């Protein structure tokens, strides 16, 4: 399933390919069954991924499995809470300027522990270990006001979605992001992985 040479893939086609892969994954019809010895040499000379995925480190949310993609097809950046720190920003910049993937997907997920930690800080003043607190501080600016009358599950669902939108906004507001969006050769979309169903729900106007 390696993305071979050919004309550049459009952002819309790349997104459609991800959606089709997720549908196969949900149906239990994944194409991925390992890579053959014949296909392996194509990966030696370099990579040509058709999409970049900025996802959470959660062990239940592997983008290659979720989107039914093979080796060399996705450039994956994973960090708890899918936050944009210095190293993540550098990886995103590399994907944009060197790999020139046409679509960037910020993939959050239901029940994200990092977002829940940020929510506990916002609503209850919780404190966390020093490094975790740095992670939480990267999430807090995007949460906005959270109605404390909502149930905990509703609060967390809202916070997860807002965190995805916050990461999308940081990418689209970057200098490189604005430049490529102006050229019309890139899309940045947000999605929420639903753990029980396996579906990736794309966010409109993320």
Protein backbone atom coordinates (compact mmCIF):
# COMPACT_ATOMS: atom_id res chain seq x y z
CA UNK A 1 0.00 0.00 0.00
CA UNK A 2 2.98 2.33 -0.33
CA UNK A 3 2.15 5.64 -2.03
CA UNK A 4 4.14 5.29 -5.24
CA UNK A 5 5.43 7.94 -7.62
CA UNK A 6 3.05 9.81 -9.86
CA UNK A 7 1.30 13.16 -10.05
CA UNK A 8 0.89 14.95 -6.71
CA UNK A 9 -2.27 14.01 -4.85
CA UNK A 10 -4.73 16.82 -4.15
CA UNK A 11 -5.78 17.64 -0.61
CA UNK A 12 -9.35 16.52 -1.33
CA UNK A 13 -8.19 13.19 -2.77
CA UNK A 14 -5.86 12.62 0.18
CA UNK A 15 -8.66 13.28 2.67
CA UNK A 16 -11.01 10.97 0.74
CA UNK A 17 -8.35 8.25 0.89
CA UNK A 18 -8.12 8.62 4.67
CA UNK A 19 -11.91 8.44 5.03
CA UNK A 20 -12.07 5.33 2.84
CA UNK A 21 -9.34 3.71 4.95
CA UNK A 22 -11.24 4.48 8.15
CA UNK A 23 -14.39 2.93 6.69
CA UNK A 24 -12.47 -0.26 5.88
CA UNK A 25 -11.06 -0.29 9.41
CA UNK A 26 -14.55 0.02 10.90
CA UNK A 27 -15.86 -2.82 8.74
CA UNK A 28 -12.95 -5.05 9.70
CA UNK A 29 -11.76 -5.12 6.08
CA UNK A 30 -8.33 -3.55 6.46
CA UNK A 31 -5.98 -4.05 3.51
CA UNK A 32 -2.83 -4.00 5.62
CA UNK A 33 -1.25 -7.41 6.04
CA UNK A 34 2.46 -6.58 6.15
CA UNK A 35 4.88 -5.51 3.45
CA UNK A 36 6.37 -7.84 0.88
CA UNK A 37 10.08 -8.16 0.11
CA UNK A 38 9.33 -6.88 -3.39
CA UNK A 39 7.72 -3.69 -2.05
CA UNK A 40 10.37 -2.95 0.58
CA UNK A 41 13.04 -1.48 -1.79
CA UNK A 42 10.68 1.35 -2.74
CA UNK A 43 10.91 2.62 0.83
CA UNK A 44 14.70 2.75 0.90
CA UNK A 45 15.18 5.83 -1.28
CA UNK A 46 12.83 8.04 0.70
CA UNK A 47 9.28 8.66 1.79
CA UNK A 48 6.29 10.13 -0.01
CA UNK A 49 3.45 10.12 2.53
CA UNK A 50 0.14 11.43 1.23
CA UNK A 51 -1.00 12.83 4.60
CA UNK A 52 0.35 14.12 7.90
CA UNK A 53 -1.49 13.14 11.08
CA UNK A 54 -0.96 15.00 14.34
CA UNK A 55 -2.40 12.64 16.93
CA UNK A 56 -2.41 11.70 20.58
CA UNK A 57 0.00 9.16 22.05
CA UNK A 58 -2.91 7.11 23.41
CA UNK A 59 -2.22 3.44 22.65
CA UNK A 60 -5.77 2.93 21.39
CA UNK A 61 -5.45 5.48 18.60
CA UNK A 62 -2.87 4.37 16.05
CA UNK A 63 -3.34 6.45 12.86
CA UNK A 64 -1.88 3.77 10.59
CA UNK A 65 -4.50 1.30 11.82
CA UNK A 66 -7.36 3.77 12.11
CA UNK A 67 -6.86 4.94 8.50
CA UNK A 68 -5.78 1.50 7.20
CA UNK A 69 -2.53 2.91 5.83
CA UNK A 70 0.72 1.08 5.11
CA UNK A 71 4.37 1.88 5.64
CA UNK A 72 5.39 5.10 3.94
CA UNK A 73 1.84 6.43 3.51
CA UNK A 74 1.40 8.60 6.60
CA UNK A 75 3.75 11.02 8.34
CA UNK A 76 2.62 10.62 11.94
CA UNK A 77 3.37 13.02 14.79
CA UNK A 78 2.10 11.78 18.15
CA UNK A 79 2.15 13.50 21.51
CA UNK A 80 -0.23 13.34 24.46
CA UNK A 81 -3.14 15.67 23.83
CA UNK A 82 -2.05 16.29 20.20
CA UNK A 83 -0.51 19.57 21.36
CA UNK A 84 1.79 21.83 19.35
CA UNK A 85 5.03 22.28 21.27
CA UNK A 86 8.41 23.25 19.85
CA UNK A 87 9.37 19.78 18.64
CA UNK A 88 5.92 19.07 17.22
CA UNK A 89 5.92 22.42 15.43
CA UNK A 90 9.28 21.52 13.90
CA UNK A 91 7.93 18.18 12.69
CA UNK A 92 4.88 19.90 11.19
CA UNK A 93 7.15 22.38 9.44
CA UNK A 94 9.22 19.51 8.03
CA UNK A 95 6.08 17.79 6.75
CA UNK A 96 4.94 20.97 5.07
CA UNK A 97 8.18 22.24 3.58
CA UNK A 98 9.98 18.97 2.72
CA UNK A 99 7.32 16.30 2.35
CA UNK A 100 4.62 18.71 1.16
CA UNK A 101 1.77 16.47 2.20
CA UNK A 102 -1.49 17.94 0.85
CA UNK A 103 -3.56 17.25 3.94
CA UNK A 104 -2.87 17.61 7.67
CA UNK A 105 -5.24 15.89 10.09
CA UNK A 106 -5.34 16.79 13.78
CA UNK A 107 -6.71 13.62 15.35
CA UNK A 108 -8.12 13.88 18.85
CA UNK A 109 -10.07 11.13 20.53
CA UNK A 110 -12.83 10.48 23.02
CA UNK A 111 -11.80 10.40 26.66
CA UNK A 112 -8.38 11.98 26.12
CA UNK A 113 -6.48 11.85 29.42
CA UNK A 114 -4.33 14.90 28.66
CA UNK A 115 -7.40 17.00 27.90
CA UNK A 116 -9.10 15.67 31.03
CA UNK A 117 -6.08 16.78 33.08
CA UNK A 118 -6.37 20.27 31.55
CA UNK A 119 -10.08 20.30 32.27
CA UNK A 120 -9.44 19.39 35.91
CA UNK A 121 -7.00 22.29 36.12
CA UNK A 122 -9.44 24.73 34.51
CA UNK A 123 -12.48 23.75 36.57
CA UNK A 124 -11.01 22.49 39.82
CA UNK A 125 -7.55 24.01 40.06
CA UNK A 126 -5.85 20.62 39.91
CA UNK A 127 -2.06 20.54 39.88
CA UNK A 128 0.04 17.95 38.09
CA UNK A 129 3.65 16.80 37.98
CA UNK A 130 5.88 19.47 36.47
CA UNK A 131 6.22 18.02 32.95
CA UNK A 132 2.57 17.05 32.76
CA UNK A 133 1.66 20.56 33.86
CA UNK A 134 3.64 21.96 30.92
CA UNK A 135 1.56 19.75 28.65
CA UNK A 136 -1.64 20.93 30.33
CA UNK A 137 -0.63 24.55 29.83
CA UNK A 138 -0.42 23.90 26.08
CA UNK A 139 -4.05 22.76 26.09
CA UNK A 140 -5.63 25.36 28.39
CA UNK A 141 -5.67 28.32 25.94
CA UNK A 142 -7.98 26.49 23.55
CA UNK A 143 -10.54 25.31 26.08
CA UNK A 144 -12.36 28.59 26.64
CA UNK A 145 -15.18 28.72 29.16
CA UNK A 146 -16.61 25.37 30.19
CA UNK A 147 -20.10 25.31 31.74
CA UNK A 148 -19.71 23.63 35.15
CA UNK A 149 -23.39 22.61 35.01
CA UNK A 150 -22.64 20.10 32.25
CA UNK A 151 -21.97 16.47 33.11
CA UNK A 152 -18.33 15.44 33.26
CA UNK A 153 -18.63 13.44 30.05
CA UNK A 154 -20.19 16.39 28.24
CA UNK A 155 -17.48 18.71 29.54
CA UNK A 156 -14.75 16.36 28.38
CA UNK A 157 -16.33 15.85 24.96
CA UNK A 158 -16.52 19.61 24.47
CA UNK A 159 -12.96 20.09 25.69
CA UNK A 160 -11.58 17.39 23.36
CA UNK A 161 -13.25 19.04 20.36
CA UNK A 162 -12.04 22.50 21.34
CA UNK A 163 -8.50 21.19 21.80
CA UNK A 164 -8.50 19.75 18.28
CA UNK A 165 -9.74 23.06 16.89
CA UNK A 166 -7.05 24.88 18.89
CA UNK A 167 -4.31 22.73 17.35
CA UNK A 168 -5.77 23.22 13.87
CA UNK A 169 -5.78 26.97 14.43
CA UNK A 170 -2.14 26.99 15.51
CA UNK A 171 -1.19 25.19 12.28
CA UNK A 172 -3.27 27.39 10.00
CA UNK A 173 -2.08 30.57 11.71
CA UNK A 174 1.60 29.72 11.25
CA UNK A 175 3.53 31.50 8.50
CA UNK A 176 3.99 28.30 6.48
CA UNK A 177 0.37 27.31 7.02
CA UNK A 178 -0.96 30.64 5.77
CA UNK A 179 1.32 30.51 2.74
CA UNK A 180 0.29 27.02 1.65
CA UNK A 181 -3.38 27.63 2.35
CA UNK A 182 -3.16 30.73 0.16
CA UNK A 183 -1.78 28.58 -2.66
CA UNK A 184 -4.71 26.21 -2.29
CA UNK A 185 -2.57 23.07 -2.22
CA UNK A 186 -3.14 22.10 1.42
CA UNK A 187 -6.02 21.38 3.79
CA UNK A 188 -5.92 21.20 7.57
CA UNK A 189 -8.79 19.30 9.14
CA UNK A 190 -9.72 18.21 12.64
CA UNK A 191 -11.19 14.89 13.62
CA UNK A 192 -12.30 12.99 16.71
CA UNK A 193 -11.70 9.25 16.92
CA UNK A 194 -14.63 7.47 18.53
CA UNK A 195 -13.07 4.59 20.41
CA UNK A 196 -16.16 2.36 20.65
CA UNK A 197 -17.18 2.62 16.99
CA UNK A 198 -13.76 3.13 15.39
CA UNK A 199 -15.11 6.07 13.39
CA UNK A 200 -13.17 9.27 12.78
CA UNK A 201 -15.67 12.12 12.97
CA UNK A 202 -14.41 15.07 10.98
CA UNK A 203 -15.08 18.53 12.43
CA UNK A 204 -16.66 21.01 10.07
CA UNK A 205 -14.83 24.31 9.78
CA UNK A 206 -12.24 23.18 12.33
